[in-house]
Amino acid sequence: MATTTMGVKLDEATRERIKAAASRIDRTPHWLIKQAIFNYLEQLDRNESLVMITGLENPPLESLEETSVPEDL
């Protein structure tokens, strides 16, 4: 199975939160992020609503939209 690398830009505070959370469960940040993606996809595959996934009745729109990446990157 072929794999590809995908990237996401995070602010420093979020990056530190991920590192701290991963450290608390004795895992790497990479492992934590990968598991979070798998868990979220499983919920979407089960057709769970965004309310069930996010816990918010009206999640902020910016959390649901893709962020555009400048073409020079």
Protein backbone atom coordinates (compact mmCIF):
# COMPACT_ATOMS: atom_id res chain seq x y z
CA MET A 1 0.00 0.00 0.00
CA ALA A 2 1.43 3.36 -1.02
CA THR A 3 1.51 6.19 1.48
CA THR A 4 1.73 9.92 1.07
CA THR A 5 2.69 12.70 3.41
CA MET A 6 0.14 15.41 4.14
CA GLY A 7 0.78 18.51 6.17
CA VAL A 8 -1.23 20.84 8.31
CA LYS A 9 -0.12 24.18 9.68
CA LEU A 10 -0.66 24.63 13.40
CA ASP A 11 0.09 27.51 15.69
CA GLU A 12 2.72 27.00 18.36
CA ALA A 13 0.18 26.70 21.17
CA THR A 14 -1.63 23.85 19.42
CA ARG A 15 1.66 22.15 18.62
CA GLU A 16 2.64 22.31 22.29
CA ARG A 17 -0.76 20.94 23.36
CA ILE A 18 -0.30 17.97 21.04
CA LYS A 19 3.22 17.33 22.33
CA ALA A 20 2.04 17.51 25.96
CA ALA A 21 -0.96 15.25 25.35
CA ALA A 22 1.18 12.69 23.53
CA SER A 23 3.74 12.78 26.32
CA ARG A 24 1.05 12.16 28.97
CA ILE A 25 0.06 8.91 27.24
CA ASP A 26 3.66 7.96 26.41
CA ARG A 27 3.15 8.26 22.65
CA THR A 28 4.62 10.43 19.93
CA PRO A 29 2.82 13.48 18.54
CA HIS A 30 2.75 11.69 15.16
CA TRP A 31 0.92 8.71 16.70
CA LEU A 32 -1.60 10.98 18.46
CA ILE A 33 -2.39 12.96 15.31
CA LYS A 34 -2.73 9.81 13.22
CA GLN A 35 -5.10 8.22 15.75
CA ALA A 36 -7.17 11.40 15.91
CA ILE A 37 -7.58 11.35 12.13
CA PHE A 38 -8.54 7.66 12.12
CA ASN A 39 -11.07 8.19 14.91
CA TYR A 40 -12.64 11.19 13.19
CA LEU A 41 -12.89 9.33 9.88
CA GLU A 42 -14.54 6.36 11.62
CA GLN A 43 -17.18 8.68 13.05
CA LEU A 44 -17.80 10.24 9.64
CA ASP A 45 -17.98 6.78 8.04
CA ARG A 46 -20.73 5.91 10.56
CA ASN A 47 -22.60 8.99 9.31
CA GLU A 48 -22.47 10.64 12.70
CA SER A 49 -23.56 14.24 12.58
CA LEU A 50 -21.17 17.08 13.24
CA VAL A 51 -23.04 17.71 16.49
CA MET A 52 -22.17 14.19 17.66
CA ILE A 53 -18.54 14.53 16.56
CA THR A 54 -17.77 18.05 17.74
CA GLY A 55 -20.24 18.25 20.61
CA LEU A 56 -21.33 21.63 19.26
CA GLU A 57 -24.69 22.33 17.70
CA ASN A 58 -23.20 24.95 15.39
CA PRO A 59 -19.45 24.35 15.09
CA PRO A 60 -17.44 27.41 14.05
CA LEU A 61 -17.29 27.53 10.26
CA GLU A 62 -13.52 27.95 10.21
CA SER A 63 -13.13 24.58 11.93
CA LEU A 64 -15.02 22.88 9.08
CA GLU A 65 -13.41 24.53 6.07
CA GLU A 66 -10.10 23.71 4.49
CA THR A 67 -7.50 26.40 4.84
CA SER A 68 -5.98 27.49 1.58
CA VAL A 69 -2.25 27.13 1.29
CA PRO A 70 -0.24 29.67 -0.70
CA GLU A 71 0.94 28.18 -3.98
CA ASP A 72 4.56 29.17 -3.36
CA LEU A 73 4.86 26.54 -0.57
